[in-house]
Amino acid sequence: MEIERHRILKFLATVMTALSSIMVVLVAFLMKMILDCAMNKDFGALERSIGISILYIATYFLINYLKEVLVARYIKNEMEDLRRSVYRTIMERDYQSYFSKSNGEYISALTNDMTTIEDNYYKAYFLIVQAVVTFMIAILSLVVINWQFSIGVLAIAGFFLATASFYWGGFE
C-alpha cells in the first residue's frame, strides 16, 4: 500500500485517544479528593473539589468529542483512499474477467472486505491504544499510591494469567 497520507490526522487521533484514556483513570483520583474533603468536613475544600470536578468533566467531554471526530475523520479518509485504490485496480483489469462474475458479487465482496478492514484494522488500532494507555496509567497509579499493594496485585494477576494459559493450553 502507498505511504500513509494522513499521518498528522492519525497522530492527533492517537494523542486524543491516549488523553481520553488518561482522563478515565484520573476520575478515581478526583473521586478520592471529593471523598476526602467530605470525610474531613472541609467544606471550603469540598467546594473547590466540586469546581475542579465540573472543569474536569467539561474537559473530559471536549477531549472525548475531539477524539471521536479525529478518529472518524481518519478512518473515513483512509477508507476513501482504499476504495479509490480498489476502484483503480478493478478498472485496470480486462473487461472479460470483470464481466465473468456478476456486479453483485464484486460489490458484495468489496463491501464485506472494506467493513472487515475498517473494523479489524483501523478501529482496532485505536481500541488497542486506549487499552494499553489505560492499563499503563492504572499500573502507574497503583505504584504511586502503594507499591507493595501493586506488587501483590500484579503477582496475583500473573498467577491467574499463568493458570488460565496452562489450563487452556492443554486443549490444543
Protein backbone atom coordinates (compact mmCIF):
# COMPACT_ATOMS: atom_id res chain seq x y z
CA MET A 1 0.00 0.00 0.00
CA GLU A 2 1.17 3.54 -0.58
CA ILE A 3 2.77 5.68 2.10
CA GLU A 4 0.28 6.77 4.71
CA ARG A 5 -1.01 10.19 3.65
CA HIS A 6 -2.90 11.02 6.81
CA ARG A 7 -0.04 10.79 9.31
CA ILE A 8 -0.84 14.01 11.15
CA LEU A 9 -4.51 13.10 11.50
CA LYS A 10 -3.58 9.64 12.79
CA PHE A 11 -1.12 11.18 15.26
CA LEU A 12 -3.71 13.66 16.58
CA ALA A 13 -6.35 10.93 16.86
CA THR A 14 -3.88 8.71 18.73
CA VAL A 15 -2.95 11.53 21.12
CA MET A 16 -6.62 12.31 21.82
CA THR A 17 -7.30 8.61 22.40
CA ALA A 18 -4.42 8.46 24.89
CA LEU A 19 -5.60 11.65 26.65
CA SER A 20 -9.12 10.26 26.89
CA SER A 21 -7.76 7.08 28.48
CA ILE A 22 -5.70 9.08 30.97
CA MET A 23 -8.76 11.14 31.88
CA VAL A 24 -10.73 7.95 32.61
CA VAL A 25 -8.11 6.77 35.12
CA LEU A 26 -7.87 10.20 36.74
CA VAL A 27 -11.55 10.01 37.70
CA ALA A 28 -10.51 7.78 40.62
CA PHE A 29 -8.21 10.49 41.97
CA LEU A 30 -10.94 13.09 41.55
CA MET A 31 -13.41 10.92 43.46
CA LYS A 32 -10.81 10.35 46.19
CA MET A 33 -10.28 14.10 46.53
CA ILE A 34 -14.03 14.73 46.89
CA LEU A 35 -14.49 11.91 49.40
CA ASP A 36 -11.51 13.07 51.48
CA CYS A 37 -12.94 16.59 51.66
CA ALA A 38 -16.37 15.27 52.62
CA MET A 39 -14.99 12.88 55.25
CA ASN A 40 -12.85 15.63 56.80
CA LYS A 41 -15.84 18.02 56.72
CA ASP A 42 -13.70 20.64 54.98
CA PHE A 43 -16.45 22.42 53.08
CA GLY A 44 -14.15 25.02 51.54
CA ALA A 45 -12.03 22.28 50.01
CA LEU A 46 -15.20 20.41 49.03
CA GLU A 47 -16.43 23.46 47.09
CA ARG A 48 -13.07 23.70 45.31
CA SER A 49 -13.17 19.97 44.58
CA ILE A 50 -16.63 20.28 43.07
CA GLY A 51 -15.44 23.21 40.96
CA ILE A 52 -12.47 21.19 39.78
CA SER A 53 -14.83 18.30 39.03
CA ILE A 54 -17.03 20.48 36.85
CA LEU A 55 -13.99 21.75 34.97
CA TYR A 56 -12.69 18.19 34.69
CA ILE A 57 -15.99 16.90 33.28
CA ALA A 58 -16.11 19.69 30.69
CA THR A 59 -12.50 18.96 29.68
CA TYR A 60 -13.21 15.23 29.51
CA PHE A 61 -16.20 15.73 27.22
CA LEU A 62 -14.21 18.09 25.00
CA ILE A 63 -11.31 15.63 24.68
CA ASN A 64 -13.69 12.74 24.06
CA TYR A 65 -15.53 14.73 21.39
CA LEU A 66 -12.26 15.67 19.66
CA LYS A 67 -11.13 12.04 19.85
CA GLU A 68 -14.33 10.77 18.23
CA VAL A 69 -14.18 13.40 15.47
CA LEU A 70 -10.50 12.83 14.70
CA VAL A 71 -10.79 9.03 14.74
CA ALA A 72 -13.87 9.13 12.50
CA ARG A 73 -12.23 11.57 10.06
CA TYR A 74 -9.03 9.49 9.93
CA ILE A 75 -10.93 6.26 9.27
CA LYS A 76 -13.12 7.97 6.65
CA ASN A 77 -10.09 9.35 4.80
CA GLU A 78 -8.22 6.04 4.90
CA MET A 79 -11.27 4.10 3.70
CA GLU A 80 -11.81 6.57 0.85
CA ASP A 81 -8.18 6.12 -0.23
CA LEU A 82 -8.57 2.36 -0.07
CA ARG A 83 -11.77 2.48 -2.14
CA ARG A 84 -10.07 4.64 -4.76
CA SER A 85 -7.17 2.21 -4.93
CA VAL A 86 -9.50 -0.77 -5.34
CA TYR A 87 -11.52 1.08 -7.97
CA ARG A 88 -8.35 1.87 -9.95
CA THR A 89 -7.27 -1.76 -9.73
CA ILE A 90 -10.65 -3.00 -10.96
CA MET A 91 -10.68 -0.50 -13.82
CA GLU A 92 -7.20 -1.61 -14.92
CA ARG A 93 -8.33 -5.23 -15.24
CA ASP A 94 -9.57 -6.55 -18.56
CA TYR A 95 -13.30 -6.42 -19.13
CA GLN A 96 -13.63 -10.18 -19.70
CA SER A 97 -12.57 -11.02 -16.15
CA TYR A 98 -14.82 -8.28 -14.76
CA PHE A 99 -17.89 -9.47 -16.63
CA SER A 100 -17.24 -13.14 -15.84
CA LYS A 101 -18.87 -12.50 -12.44
CA SER A 102 -21.98 -10.52 -11.68
CA ASN A 103 -21.66 -6.95 -10.44
CA GLY A 104 -23.43 -8.01 -7.26
CA GLU A 105 -20.63 -10.43 -6.38
CA TYR A 106 -17.99 -7.72 -6.81
CA ILE A 107 -19.97 -5.21 -4.76
CA SER A 108 -20.75 -7.74 -2.04
CA ALA A 109 -17.13 -8.90 -1.75
CA LEU A 110 -15.84 -5.32 -1.81
CA THR A 111 -18.29 -4.14 0.86
CA ASN A 112 -17.53 -7.13 3.08
CA ASP A 113 -13.77 -6.68 2.72
CA MET A 114 -13.95 -2.93 3.40
CA THR A 115 -16.01 -3.48 6.55
CA THR A 116 -13.59 -6.15 7.74
CA ILE A 117 -10.57 -3.88 7.16
CA GLU A 118 -12.26 -0.96 8.91
CA ASP A 119 -13.31 -2.99 11.95
CA ASN A 120 -10.27 -5.24 12.32
CA TYR A 121 -7.53 -2.75 11.49
CA TYR A 122 -8.44 0.91 11.75
CA LYS A 123 -10.90 0.79 14.66
CA ALA A 124 -8.92 -1.93 16.44
CA TYR A 125 -5.78 0.23 16.36
CA PHE A 126 -7.45 2.95 18.45
CA LEU A 127 -9.01 0.41 20.81
CA ILE A 128 -5.57 -1.09 21.43
CA VAL A 129 -4.05 2.34 22.07
CA GLN A 130 -6.86 3.09 24.52
CA ALA A 131 -6.45 -0.22 26.37
CA VAL A 132 -2.66 0.00 26.59
CA VAL A 133 -2.64 3.59 27.85
CA THR A 134 -5.39 2.88 30.38
CA PHE A 135 -3.52 -0.18 31.64
CA MET A 136 -0.18 1.65 31.91
CA ILE A 137 -1.67 4.65 33.72
CA ALA A 138 -3.63 2.38 36.06
CA ILE A 139 -0.49 0.42 36.95
CA LEU A 140 1.49 3.65 37.42
CA SER A 141 -1.28 4.98 39.67
CA LEU A 142 -1.20 1.81 41.74
CA VAL A 143 2.56 2.14 42.17
CA VAL A 144 2.23 5.79 43.21
CA ILE A 145 -0.48 5.00 45.74
CA ASN A 146 1.14 1.93 47.30
CA TRP A 147 3.96 -0.01 45.67
CA GLN A 148 3.62 -3.06 47.95
CA PHE A 149 -0.05 -3.41 47.07
CA SER A 150 0.86 -3.01 43.39
CA ILE A 151 3.32 -5.88 43.54
CA GLY A 152 0.67 -8.05 45.19
CA VAL A 153 -1.95 -7.18 42.56
CA LEU A 154 0.49 -7.86 39.71
CA ALA A 155 1.59 -11.16 41.27
CA ILE A 156 -2.00 -12.32 41.66
CA ALA A 157 -2.83 -11.21 38.11
CA GLY A 158 0.24 -13.06 36.81
CA PHE A 159 -0.82 -16.18 38.71
CA PHE A 160 -4.30 -16.07 37.18
CA LEU A 161 -2.88 -15.49 33.69
CA ALA A 162 -0.44 -18.38 34.08
CA THR A 163 -3.20 -20.65 35.39
CA ALA A 164 -5.51 -19.73 32.54
CA SER A 165 -2.84 -20.21 29.88
CA PHE A 166 -1.84 -23.57 31.40
CA TYR A 167 -5.47 -24.69 31.61
CA TRP A 168 -6.45 -23.60 28.09
CA GLY A 169 -3.12 -24.67 26.60
CA GLY A 170 -3.95 -28.30 27.39
CA PHE A 171 -6.82 -28.42 24.89
CA GLU A 172 -4.76 -27.72 21.77
